[in-house]
Amino acid sequence: MNLTTHQLAEILIGVARSQQALIEAIESMRAGFKGTYLAPALDSVAKIRATGRPPLLQEFPARVLLQCQGRAGPNVGQIVRDLEALLAGPAAAPSANAPAGNSDSNREHSR
């Protein structure tokens, strides 16, 4: 089975919405949770303030969750475009740290 980037974006949004439901439940039990505890931790995981480098694929789910925090919610089209850019970016290429002649090392990075 092959997933399209649009289908993957839909899955990420669904997971983020599930996480958002838990966040809302915690917020209703403990007022101020989102602003005091969640926002700084989520910003750190999403590396929103990291400048001078492209975002990484591993940070993307946290960024989708941040979009769910807003009033407008996530934009599927933008998430698809961002996901396609991340998948086509340097993270998809063999690691720059791997020696060019070592095919075993290149295979390890592609798994």
N, C-alpha and C. Protein backbone atom coordinates (compact mmCIF):
# COMPACT_ATOMS: atom_id res chain seq x y z
N MET A 1 0.84 -1.17 0.00
CA MET A 1 0.00 0.00 0.00
C MET A 1 0.89 1.24 0.00
N ASN A 2 0.57 2.18 -0.85
CA ASN A 2 1.30 3.44 -0.92
C ASN A 2 0.38 4.57 -0.49
N LEU A 3 0.90 5.41 0.40
CA LEU A 3 0.16 6.59 0.83
C LEU A 3 0.60 7.80 0.01
N THR A 4 -0.34 8.65 -0.31
CA THR A 4 0.01 9.92 -0.95
C THR A 4 0.34 10.91 0.16
N THR A 5 0.97 12.01 -0.21
CA THR A 5 1.26 13.03 0.80
C THR A 5 -0.03 13.63 1.35
N HIS A 6 -1.06 13.68 0.53
CA HIS A 6 -2.35 14.20 1.01
C HIS A 6 -2.93 13.26 2.07
N GLN A 7 -2.86 11.97 1.84
CA GLN A 7 -3.36 11.01 2.82
C GLN A 7 -2.54 11.07 4.11
N LEU A 8 -1.23 11.21 3.98
CA LEU A 8 -0.37 11.33 5.15
C LEU A 8 -0.69 12.61 5.92
N ALA A 9 -0.95 13.69 5.21
CA ALA A 9 -1.33 14.94 5.86
C ALA A 9 -2.64 14.77 6.62
N GLU A 10 -3.61 14.06 6.04
CA GLU A 10 -4.89 13.82 6.71
C GLU A 10 -4.67 13.00 8.00
N ILE A 11 -3.79 12.01 7.93
CA ILE A 11 -3.49 11.20 9.12
C ILE A 11 -2.85 12.08 10.21
N LEU A 12 -1.88 12.90 9.82
CA LEU A 12 -1.23 13.78 10.79
C LEU A 12 -2.22 14.73 11.44
N ILE A 13 -3.15 15.26 10.64
CA ILE A 13 -4.17 16.16 11.19
C ILE A 13 -5.08 15.40 12.16
N GLY A 14 -5.45 14.18 11.81
CA GLY A 14 -6.28 13.37 12.71
C GLY A 14 -5.61 13.09 14.03
N VAL A 15 -4.33 12.76 13.99
CA VAL A 15 -3.58 12.53 15.23
C VAL A 15 -3.48 13.82 16.04
N ALA A 16 -3.20 14.93 15.35
CA ALA A 16 -3.09 16.21 16.05
C ALA A 16 -4.43 16.60 16.68
N ARG A 17 -5.53 16.34 16.02
CA ARG A 17 -6.84 16.66 16.60
C ARG A 17 -7.12 15.79 17.82
N SER A 18 -6.69 14.54 17.80
CA SER A 18 -6.83 13.68 18.97
C SER A 18 -6.01 14.23 20.13
N GLN A 19 -4.80 14.65 19.84
CA GLN A 19 -3.95 15.26 20.87
C GLN A 19 -4.58 16.55 21.39
N GLN A 20 -5.18 17.31 20.49
CA GLN A 20 -5.82 18.56 20.88
C GLN A 20 -6.99 18.30 21.83
N ALA A 21 -7.72 17.22 21.61
CA ALA A 21 -8.83 16.87 22.52
C ALA A 21 -8.30 16.59 23.93
N LEU A 22 -7.18 15.89 24.01
CA LEU A 22 -6.58 15.64 25.32
C LEU A 22 -6.11 16.94 25.97
N ILE A 23 -5.52 17.81 25.17
CA ILE A 23 -5.06 19.10 25.68
C ILE A 23 -6.22 19.90 26.23
N GLU A 24 -7.33 19.92 25.51
CA GLU A 24 -8.51 20.66 25.97
C GLU A 24 -9.05 20.07 27.27
N ALA A 25 -9.03 18.74 27.39
CA ALA A 25 -9.50 18.10 28.63
C ALA A 25 -8.62 18.50 29.81
N ILE A 26 -7.32 18.50 29.60
CA ILE A 26 -6.40 18.90 30.67
C ILE A 26 -6.59 20.37 31.01
N GLU A 27 -6.77 21.20 29.99
CA GLU A 27 -6.99 22.63 30.21
C GLU A 27 -8.26 22.88 31.02
N SER A 28 -9.30 22.09 30.76
CA SER A 28 -10.55 22.28 31.52
C SER A 28 -10.40 21.85 32.97
N MET A 29 -9.50 20.92 33.23
CA MET A 29 -9.25 20.49 34.60
C MET A 29 -8.27 21.41 35.32
N ARG A 30 -7.34 21.97 34.58
CA ARG A 30 -6.31 22.82 35.17
C ARG A 30 -6.14 24.06 34.29
N ALA A 31 -6.85 25.10 34.64
CA ALA A 31 -6.80 26.35 33.87
C ALA A 31 -5.37 26.87 33.80
N GLY A 32 -4.98 27.30 32.61
CA GLY A 32 -3.65 27.85 32.41
C GLY A 32 -2.62 26.83 31.96
N PHE A 33 -3.03 25.57 31.86
CA PHE A 33 -2.10 24.51 31.45
C PHE A 33 -1.47 24.80 30.09
N LYS A 34 -2.31 25.20 29.12
CA LYS A 34 -1.80 25.42 27.76
C LYS A 34 -0.75 26.52 27.72
N GLY A 35 -1.03 27.63 28.35
CA GLY A 35 -0.10 28.76 28.30
C GLY A 35 1.14 28.57 29.14
N THR A 36 0.96 27.92 30.29
CA THR A 36 2.08 27.78 31.22
C THR A 36 2.99 26.60 30.88
N TYR A 37 2.40 25.47 30.56
CA TYR A 37 3.20 24.26 30.37
C TYR A 37 3.29 23.80 28.92
N LEU A 38 2.15 23.75 28.23
CA LEU A 38 2.13 23.17 26.90
C LEU A 38 2.83 24.03 25.86
N ALA A 39 2.49 25.31 25.80
CA ALA A 39 3.03 26.18 24.75
C ALA A 39 4.56 26.20 24.73
N PRO A 40 5.23 26.39 25.86
CA PRO A 40 6.70 26.38 25.80
C PRO A 40 7.27 25.02 25.38
N ALA A 41 6.67 23.94 25.86
CA ALA A 41 7.17 22.61 25.50
C ALA A 41 6.94 22.32 24.02
N LEU A 42 5.77 22.68 23.52
CA LEU A 42 5.44 22.42 22.12
C LEU A 42 6.29 23.29 21.19
N ASP A 43 6.53 24.54 21.57
CA ASP A 43 7.41 25.41 20.78
C ASP A 43 8.81 24.82 20.70
N SER A 44 9.26 24.26 21.82
CA SER A 44 10.59 23.66 21.86
C SER A 44 10.68 22.43 20.95
N VAL A 45 9.67 21.57 21.00
CA VAL A 45 9.67 20.37 20.17
C VAL A 45 9.55 20.72 18.68
N ALA A 46 8.72 21.70 18.38
CA ALA A 46 8.51 22.11 16.98
C ALA A 46 9.65 22.96 16.45
N LYS A 47 10.50 23.42 17.36
CA LYS A 47 11.64 24.28 17.01
C LYS A 47 11.20 25.47 16.17
N ILE A 48 10.12 26.11 16.63
CA ILE A 48 9.56 27.26 15.93
C ILE A 48 10.57 28.42 15.87
N ARG A 49 11.31 28.60 16.94
CA ARG A 49 12.23 29.74 17.00
C ARG A 49 13.60 29.44 16.39
N ALA A 50 13.81 28.22 15.92
CA ALA A 50 15.10 27.86 15.32
C ALA A 50 15.21 28.53 13.96
N THR A 51 16.17 29.40 13.83
CA THR A 51 16.37 30.10 12.56
C THR A 51 17.71 29.69 11.97
N GLY A 52 17.85 29.89 10.70
CA GLY A 52 19.11 29.59 10.05
C GLY A 52 19.23 28.14 9.59
N ARG A 53 18.18 27.37 9.73
CA ARG A 53 18.22 26.00 9.26
C ARG A 53 16.82 25.61 8.82
N PRO A 54 16.72 24.70 7.87
CA PRO A 54 15.40 24.27 7.42
C PRO A 54 14.73 23.39 8.48
N PRO A 55 13.41 23.38 8.53
CA PRO A 55 12.72 22.49 9.49
C PRO A 55 12.97 21.03 9.13
N LEU A 56 12.90 20.18 10.14
CA LEU A 56 13.11 18.74 9.94
C LEU A 56 11.77 18.02 9.95
N LEU A 57 11.75 16.86 9.32
CA LEU A 57 10.54 16.05 9.26
C LEU A 57 10.07 15.65 10.65
N GLN A 58 10.99 15.38 11.56
CA GLN A 58 10.61 14.96 12.91
C GLN A 58 9.94 16.08 13.71
N GLU A 59 10.11 17.31 13.30
CA GLU A 59 9.45 18.44 13.96
C GLU A 59 8.05 18.70 13.40
N PHE A 60 7.76 18.12 12.26
CA PHE A 60 6.53 18.43 11.55
C PHE A 60 5.25 18.09 12.31
N PRO A 61 5.15 16.92 12.97
CA PRO A 61 3.91 16.63 13.71
C PRO A 61 3.61 17.68 14.79
N ALA A 62 4.63 18.17 15.47
CA ALA A 62 4.41 19.20 16.49
C ALA A 62 3.92 20.49 15.84
N ARG A 63 4.40 20.77 14.64
CA ARG A 63 3.94 21.97 13.93
C ARG A 63 2.47 21.84 13.52
N VAL A 64 2.08 20.62 13.14
CA VAL A 64 0.66 20.39 12.81
C VAL A 64 -0.20 20.57 14.06
N LEU A 65 0.27 20.06 15.19
CA LEU A 65 -0.46 20.25 16.44
C LEU A 65 -0.59 21.72 16.79
N LEU A 66 0.47 22.49 16.56
CA LEU A 66 0.39 23.93 16.79
C LEU A 66 -0.68 24.58 15.92
N GLN A 67 -0.83 24.10 14.69
CA GLN A 67 -1.88 24.64 13.81
C GLN A 67 -3.26 24.31 14.38
N CYS A 68 -3.39 23.15 15.01
CA CYS A 68 -4.68 22.78 15.61
C CYS A 68 -5.01 23.67 16.81
N GLN A 69 -4.02 24.30 17.39
CA GLN A 69 -4.22 25.20 18.53
C GLN A 69 -4.89 26.51 18.10
N GLY A 70 -4.73 26.88 16.84
CA GLY A 70 -5.28 28.14 16.36
C GLY A 70 -6.77 28.07 16.09
N ARG A 71 -7.37 29.22 15.93
CA ARG A 71 -8.82 29.28 15.67
C ARG A 71 -9.20 28.68 14.32
N ALA A 72 -8.37 28.90 13.32
CA ALA A 72 -8.70 28.44 11.97
C ALA A 72 -8.44 26.95 11.80
N GLY A 73 -7.61 26.37 12.63
CA GLY A 73 -7.29 24.96 12.49
C GLY A 73 -6.28 24.73 11.40
N PRO A 74 -5.92 23.48 11.15
CA PRO A 74 -4.90 23.19 10.15
C PRO A 74 -5.41 23.38 8.73
N ASN A 75 -4.52 23.80 7.87
CA ASN A 75 -4.81 23.99 6.46
C ASN A 75 -4.23 22.78 5.72
N VAL A 76 -5.10 21.89 5.25
CA VAL A 76 -4.65 20.65 4.62
C VAL A 76 -3.75 20.93 3.42
N GLY A 77 -4.12 21.87 2.60
CA GLY A 77 -3.32 22.19 1.42
C GLY A 77 -1.92 22.63 1.78
N GLN A 78 -1.80 23.48 2.79
CA GLN A 78 -0.48 23.96 3.22
C GLN A 78 0.32 22.82 3.85
N ILE A 79 -0.34 21.97 4.61
CA ILE A 79 0.35 20.84 5.22
C ILE A 79 0.88 19.90 4.14
N VAL A 80 0.09 19.66 3.10
CA VAL A 80 0.54 18.82 1.98
C VAL A 80 1.76 19.43 1.32
N ARG A 81 1.72 20.74 1.05
CA ARG A 81 2.87 21.41 0.41
C ARG A 81 4.11 21.34 1.30
N ASP A 82 3.94 21.60 2.59
CA ASP A 82 5.07 21.55 3.52
C ASP A 82 5.64 20.13 3.61
N LEU A 83 4.75 19.16 3.65
CA LEU A 83 5.18 17.76 3.74
C LEU A 83 5.93 17.34 2.48
N GLU A 84 5.43 17.73 1.32
CA GLU A 84 6.12 17.41 0.07
C GLU A 84 7.51 18.06 0.03
N ALA A 85 7.60 19.30 0.52
CA ALA A 85 8.90 19.98 0.54
C ALA A 85 9.86 19.28 1.50
N LEU A 86 9.36 18.86 2.64
CA LEU A 86 10.22 18.16 3.60
C LEU A 86 10.68 16.81 3.07
N LEU A 87 9.77 16.09 2.41
CA LEU A 87 10.12 14.78 1.88
C LEU A 87 11.08 14.88 0.70
N ALA A 88 11.03 15.98 -0.03
CA ALA A 88 11.92 16.16 -1.18
C ALA A 88 13.22 16.85 -0.81
N GLY A 89 13.29 17.37 0.43
CA GLY A 89 14.44 18.16 0.85
C GLY A 89 15.68 17.34 1.17
N PRO A 90 16.65 17.98 1.80
CA PRO A 90 17.93 17.34 2.09
C PRO A 90 17.81 16.12 3.00
N ALA A 91 16.77 16.02 3.82
CA ALA A 91 16.61 14.86 4.70
C ALA A 91 16.39 13.59 3.89
N ALA A 92 15.87 13.72 2.67
CA ALA A 92 15.63 12.55 1.83
C ALA A 92 16.91 12.08 1.15
N ALA A 93 17.91 12.95 1.09
CA ALA A 93 19.18 12.61 0.46
C ALA A 93 20.04 11.84 1.46
N PRO A 94 21.05 11.10 0.98
CA PRO A 94 21.95 10.42 1.90
C PRO A 94 22.62 11.42 2.83
N SER A 95 22.94 10.98 4.01
CA SER A 95 23.53 11.85 5.02
C SER A 95 24.85 12.42 4.54
N ALA A 96 25.08 13.68 4.84
CA ALA A 96 26.33 14.33 4.47
C ALA A 96 27.49 13.77 5.28
N ASN A 97 27.19 13.17 6.44
CA ASN A 97 28.23 12.61 7.30
C ASN A 97 28.70 11.24 6.82
N ALA A 98 27.94 10.59 5.97
CA ALA A 98 28.29 9.25 5.50
C ALA A 98 29.35 9.36 4.40
N PRO A 99 30.37 8.53 4.47
CA PRO A 99 31.38 8.55 3.40
C PRO A 99 30.75 8.14 2.07
N ALA A 100 31.13 8.79 1.01
CA ALA A 100 30.53 8.56 -0.30
C ALA A 100 30.79 7.15 -0.82
N GLY A 101 31.94 6.57 -0.51
CA GLY A 101 32.28 5.27 -1.04
C GLY A 101 31.76 4.11 -0.22
N ASN A 102 31.20 4.34 0.93
CA ASN A 102 30.76 3.27 1.81
C ASN A 102 29.29 2.98 1.58
N SER A 103 28.99 1.98 0.77
CA SER A 103 27.60 1.68 0.43
C SER A 103 26.82 1.11 1.61
N ASP A 104 27.50 0.41 2.56
CA ASP A 104 26.81 -0.10 3.75
C ASP A 104 26.27 1.05 4.58
N SER A 105 27.05 2.10 4.70
CA SER A 105 26.61 3.26 5.46
C SER A 105 25.42 3.92 4.78
N ASN A 106 25.46 4.02 3.45
CA ASN A 106 24.34 4.63 2.72
C ASN A 106 23.07 3.81 2.87
N ARG A 107 23.20 2.49 2.88
CA ARG A 107 22.03 1.63 3.05
C ARG A 107 21.44 1.81 4.44
N GLU A 108 22.26 1.99 5.46
CA GLU A 108 21.77 2.20 6.82
C GLU A 108 20.93 3.47 6.91
N HIS A 109 21.35 4.52 6.21
CA HIS A 109 20.63 5.79 6.24
C HIS A 109 19.32 5.73 5.49
N SER A 110 19.19 4.83 4.54
CA SER A 110 17.98 4.77 3.74
C SER A 110 16.90 3.91 4.36
N ARG A 111 17.20 3.22 5.46
CA ARG A 111 16.22 2.34 6.10
C ARG A 111 15.27 3.09 6.95
